[in-house]
Amino acid sequence: MLLLAFKTSQVALHMSVAFAVTYAFTGSLATGGVAAVIEPICNVTLMPLHDKLWKRLKNRREHRNEGRTSVSVALSH
């Protein structure tokens, strides 16, 4: 229940910010409303791709570091 409230408030915050910024720049309630709806849709779509990219970069870095550790251990024997 608390998680649902947290996620709901998060979405409301994103939508409010998108609306406020767009309205401040354009002065249009309609354009602000469209931005408030489109912004969360874009986040839901793009965030998994963003996380996947960073996970791939992290795995690549860990793999590279494992190779260095293996070489340094081999050289120390």
N, C-alpha and C. Protein backbone atom coordinates (compact mmCIF):
# COMPACT_ATOMS: atom_id res chain seq x y z
N MET A 1 0.82 -1.19 0.00
CA MET A 1 0.00 0.00 0.00
C MET A 1 0.86 1.26 0.00
N LEU A 2 1.92 1.27 0.81
CA LEU A 2 2.81 2.42 0.86
C LEU A 2 3.55 2.60 -0.46
N LEU A 3 3.94 1.49 -1.08
CA LEU A 3 4.61 1.57 -2.39
C LEU A 3 3.70 2.18 -3.44
N LEU A 4 2.42 1.82 -3.43
CA LEU A 4 1.46 2.38 -4.37
C LEU A 4 1.33 3.89 -4.16
N ALA A 5 1.27 4.32 -2.92
CA ALA A 5 1.18 5.75 -2.62
C ALA A 5 2.44 6.48 -3.09
N PHE A 6 3.59 5.86 -2.88
CA PHE A 6 4.87 6.44 -3.30
C PHE A 6 4.90 6.60 -4.82
N LYS A 7 4.56 5.55 -5.54
CA LYS A 7 4.59 5.59 -7.01
C LYS A 7 3.58 6.60 -7.55
N THR A 8 2.41 6.66 -6.93
CA THR A 8 1.39 7.62 -7.36
C THR A 8 1.88 9.05 -7.16
N SER A 9 2.49 9.32 -6.02
CA SER A 9 3.00 10.67 -5.78
C SER A 9 4.15 11.00 -6.72
N GLN A 10 4.94 10.00 -7.07
CA GLN A 10 6.04 10.20 -8.02
C GLN A 10 5.51 10.60 -9.40
N VAL A 11 4.50 9.89 -9.86
CA VAL A 11 3.88 10.20 -11.16
C VAL A 11 3.25 11.59 -11.11
N ALA A 12 2.55 11.90 -10.03
CA ALA A 12 1.92 13.21 -9.90
C ALA A 12 2.97 14.33 -9.91
N LEU A 13 4.10 14.09 -9.26
CA LEU A 13 5.18 15.09 -9.26
C LEU A 13 5.74 15.30 -10.66
N HIS A 14 6.01 14.20 -11.37
CA HIS A 14 6.52 14.32 -12.74
C HIS A 14 5.54 15.09 -13.62
N MET A 15 4.27 14.75 -13.51
CA MET A 15 3.27 15.41 -14.34
C MET A 15 3.14 16.89 -13.98
N SER A 16 3.22 17.21 -12.71
CA SER A 16 3.12 18.59 -12.26
C SER A 16 4.29 19.43 -12.76
N VAL A 17 5.48 18.86 -12.67
CA VAL A 17 6.67 19.57 -13.16
C VAL A 17 6.59 19.79 -14.67
N ALA A 18 6.22 18.74 -15.39
CA ALA A 18 6.10 18.87 -16.85
C ALA A 18 5.07 19.93 -17.21
N PHE A 19 3.94 19.92 -16.52
CA PHE A 19 2.91 20.93 -16.79
C PHE A 19 3.41 22.33 -16.46
N ALA A 20 3.99 22.50 -15.28
CA ALA A 20 4.42 23.82 -14.83
C ALA A 20 5.50 24.42 -15.74
N VAL A 21 6.48 23.61 -16.10
CA VAL A 21 7.56 24.12 -16.96
C VAL A 21 7.02 24.49 -18.34
N THR A 22 6.21 23.61 -18.90
CA THR A 22 5.66 23.88 -20.25
C THR A 22 4.73 25.08 -20.22
N TYR A 23 3.90 25.17 -19.21
CA TYR A 23 3.00 26.32 -19.09
C TYR A 23 3.79 27.61 -18.92
N ALA A 24 4.85 27.58 -18.12
CA ALA A 24 5.67 28.77 -17.90
C ALA A 24 6.30 29.26 -19.21
N PHE A 25 6.70 28.32 -20.07
CA PHE A 25 7.33 28.71 -21.33
C PHE A 25 6.32 29.11 -22.39
N THR A 26 5.16 28.46 -22.41
CA THR A 26 4.22 28.71 -23.51
C THR A 26 3.01 29.53 -23.10
N GLY A 27 2.64 29.52 -21.82
CA GLY A 27 1.43 30.21 -21.39
C GLY A 27 0.16 29.49 -21.80
N SER A 28 0.30 28.27 -22.30
CA SER A 28 -0.84 27.51 -22.80
C SER A 28 -1.19 26.36 -21.84
N LEU A 29 -2.45 26.37 -21.37
CA LEU A 29 -2.91 25.27 -20.52
C LEU A 29 -2.95 23.96 -21.31
N ALA A 30 -3.36 24.04 -22.57
CA ALA A 30 -3.48 22.83 -23.40
C ALA A 30 -2.10 22.21 -23.64
N THR A 31 -1.12 23.03 -23.98
CA THR A 31 0.22 22.52 -24.23
C THR A 31 0.83 21.97 -22.94
N GLY A 32 0.58 22.65 -21.83
CA GLY A 32 1.05 22.15 -20.54
C GLY A 32 0.43 20.81 -20.21
N GLY A 33 -0.86 20.67 -20.50
CA GLY A 33 -1.55 19.40 -20.26
C GLY A 33 -1.01 18.27 -21.11
N VAL A 34 -0.74 18.57 -22.38
CA VAL A 34 -0.18 17.54 -23.27
C VAL A 34 1.20 17.11 -22.76
N ALA A 35 2.01 18.07 -22.36
CA ALA A 35 3.34 17.73 -21.84
C ALA A 35 3.23 16.89 -20.57
N ALA A 36 2.25 17.20 -19.73
CA ALA A 36 2.07 16.46 -18.48
C ALA A 36 1.70 15.00 -18.74
N VAL A 37 1.03 14.74 -19.84
CA VAL A 37 0.65 13.36 -20.19
C VAL A 37 1.78 12.65 -20.92
N ILE A 38 2.44 13.35 -21.82
CA ILE A 38 3.48 12.72 -22.64
C ILE A 38 4.74 12.41 -21.83
N GLU A 39 5.11 13.27 -20.90
CA GLU A 39 6.35 13.09 -20.14
C GLU A 39 6.40 11.75 -19.39
N PRO A 40 5.36 11.36 -18.65
CA PRO A 40 5.42 10.06 -17.97
C PRO A 40 5.47 8.88 -18.95
N ILE A 41 4.79 9.02 -20.09
CA ILE A 41 4.83 7.96 -21.10
C ILE A 41 6.25 7.79 -21.62
N CYS A 42 6.92 8.90 -21.89
CA CYS A 42 8.31 8.84 -22.35
C CYS A 42 9.21 8.22 -21.29
N ASN A 43 9.02 8.60 -20.03
CA ASN A 43 9.83 8.04 -18.96
C ASN A 43 9.64 6.54 -18.83
N VAL A 44 8.40 6.08 -18.89
CA VAL A 44 8.12 4.65 -18.77
C VAL A 44 8.76 3.89 -19.94
N THR A 45 8.78 4.50 -21.10
CA THR A 45 9.35 3.86 -22.28
C THR A 45 10.88 3.87 -22.26
N LEU A 46 11.46 5.00 -21.90
CA LEU A 46 12.91 5.16 -22.02
C LEU A 46 13.71 4.69 -20.80
N MET A 47 13.12 4.72 -19.62
CA MET A 47 13.87 4.35 -18.41
C MET A 47 14.42 2.93 -18.46
N PRO A 48 13.63 1.92 -18.89
CA PRO A 48 14.22 0.58 -18.98
C PRO A 48 15.40 0.51 -19.95
N LEU A 49 15.34 1.26 -21.04
CA LEU A 49 16.47 1.28 -21.98
C LEU A 49 17.69 1.94 -21.34
N HIS A 50 17.47 3.00 -20.60
CA HIS A 50 18.54 3.69 -19.88
C HIS A 50 19.20 2.75 -18.87
N ASP A 51 18.36 2.05 -18.09
CA ASP A 51 18.88 1.13 -17.08
C ASP A 51 19.65 -0.03 -17.72
N LYS A 52 19.14 -0.52 -18.84
CA LYS A 52 19.80 -1.62 -19.56
C LYS A 52 21.18 -1.18 -20.05
N LEU A 53 21.26 0.03 -20.59
CA LEU A 53 22.55 0.55 -21.07
C LEU A 53 23.55 0.66 -19.92
N TRP A 54 23.13 1.21 -18.79
CA TRP A 54 24.05 1.36 -17.66
C TRP A 54 24.45 0.02 -17.07
N LYS A 55 23.54 -0.94 -17.08
CA LYS A 55 23.89 -2.28 -16.60
C LYS A 55 24.93 -2.91 -17.52
N ARG A 56 24.76 -2.72 -18.82
CA ARG A 56 25.73 -3.24 -19.79
C ARG A 56 27.10 -2.60 -19.58
N LEU A 57 27.13 -1.29 -19.36
CA LEU A 57 28.40 -0.61 -19.12
C LEU A 57 29.06 -1.09 -17.83
N LYS A 58 28.25 -1.30 -16.79
CA LYS A 58 28.77 -1.79 -15.51
C LYS A 58 29.36 -3.19 -15.69
N ASN A 59 28.63 -4.06 -16.38
CA ASN A 59 29.12 -5.43 -16.60
C ASN A 59 30.41 -5.43 -17.41
N ARG A 60 30.47 -4.56 -18.43
CA ARG A 60 31.68 -4.46 -19.25
C ARG A 60 32.87 -4.02 -18.40
N ARG A 61 32.64 -3.05 -17.52
CA ARG A 61 33.72 -2.56 -16.65
C ARG A 61 34.17 -3.64 -15.67
N GLU A 62 33.21 -4.36 -15.08
CA GLU A 62 33.55 -5.44 -14.15
C GLU A 62 34.33 -6.54 -14.85
N HIS A 63 33.92 -6.85 -16.08
CA HIS A 63 34.62 -7.88 -16.85
C HIS A 63 36.06 -7.45 -17.14
N ARG A 64 36.23 -6.18 -17.48
CA ARG A 64 37.57 -5.64 -17.74
C ARG A 64 38.42 -5.69 -16.48
N ASN A 65 37.83 -5.36 -15.33
CA ASN A 65 38.56 -5.39 -14.06
C ASN A 65 38.93 -6.81 -13.65
N GLU A 66 38.07 -7.78 -13.95
CA GLU A 66 38.38 -9.18 -13.66
C GLU A 66 39.61 -9.62 -14.44
N GLY A 67 39.72 -9.19 -15.67
CA GLY A 67 40.88 -9.53 -16.50
C GLY A 67 42.16 -8.98 -15.93
N ARG A 68 42.11 -7.78 -15.41
CA ARG A 68 43.30 -7.17 -14.80
C ARG A 68 43.71 -7.91 -13.54
N THR A 69 42.73 -8.33 -12.76
CA THR A 69 43.02 -9.06 -11.52
C THR A 69 43.68 -10.39 -11.84
N SER A 70 43.17 -11.08 -12.86
CA SER A 70 43.74 -12.37 -13.24
C SER A 70 45.19 -12.22 -13.69
N VAL A 71 45.46 -11.17 -14.46
CA VAL A 71 46.82 -10.96 -14.95
C VAL A 71 47.75 -10.62 -13.80
N SER A 72 47.31 -9.77 -12.86
CA SER A 72 48.18 -9.41 -11.75
C SER A 72 48.44 -10.58 -10.82
N VAL A 73 47.47 -11.45 -10.63
CA VAL A 73 47.66 -12.66 -9.81
C VAL A 73 48.64 -13.58 -10.48
N ALA A 74 48.50 -13.76 -11.80
CA ALA A 74 49.39 -14.65 -12.55
C ALA A 74 50.83 -14.14 -12.52
N LEU A 75 51.00 -12.82 -12.59
CA LEU A 75 52.34 -12.25 -12.60
C LEU A 75 52.99 -12.32 -11.23
N SER A 76 52.20 -12.35 -10.17
CA SER A 76 52.77 -12.36 -8.83
C SER A 76 53.26 -13.76 -8.43
N HIS A 77 52.85 -14.80 -9.16
CA HIS A 77 53.28 -16.18 -8.83
C HIS A 77 54.54 -16.55 -9.51
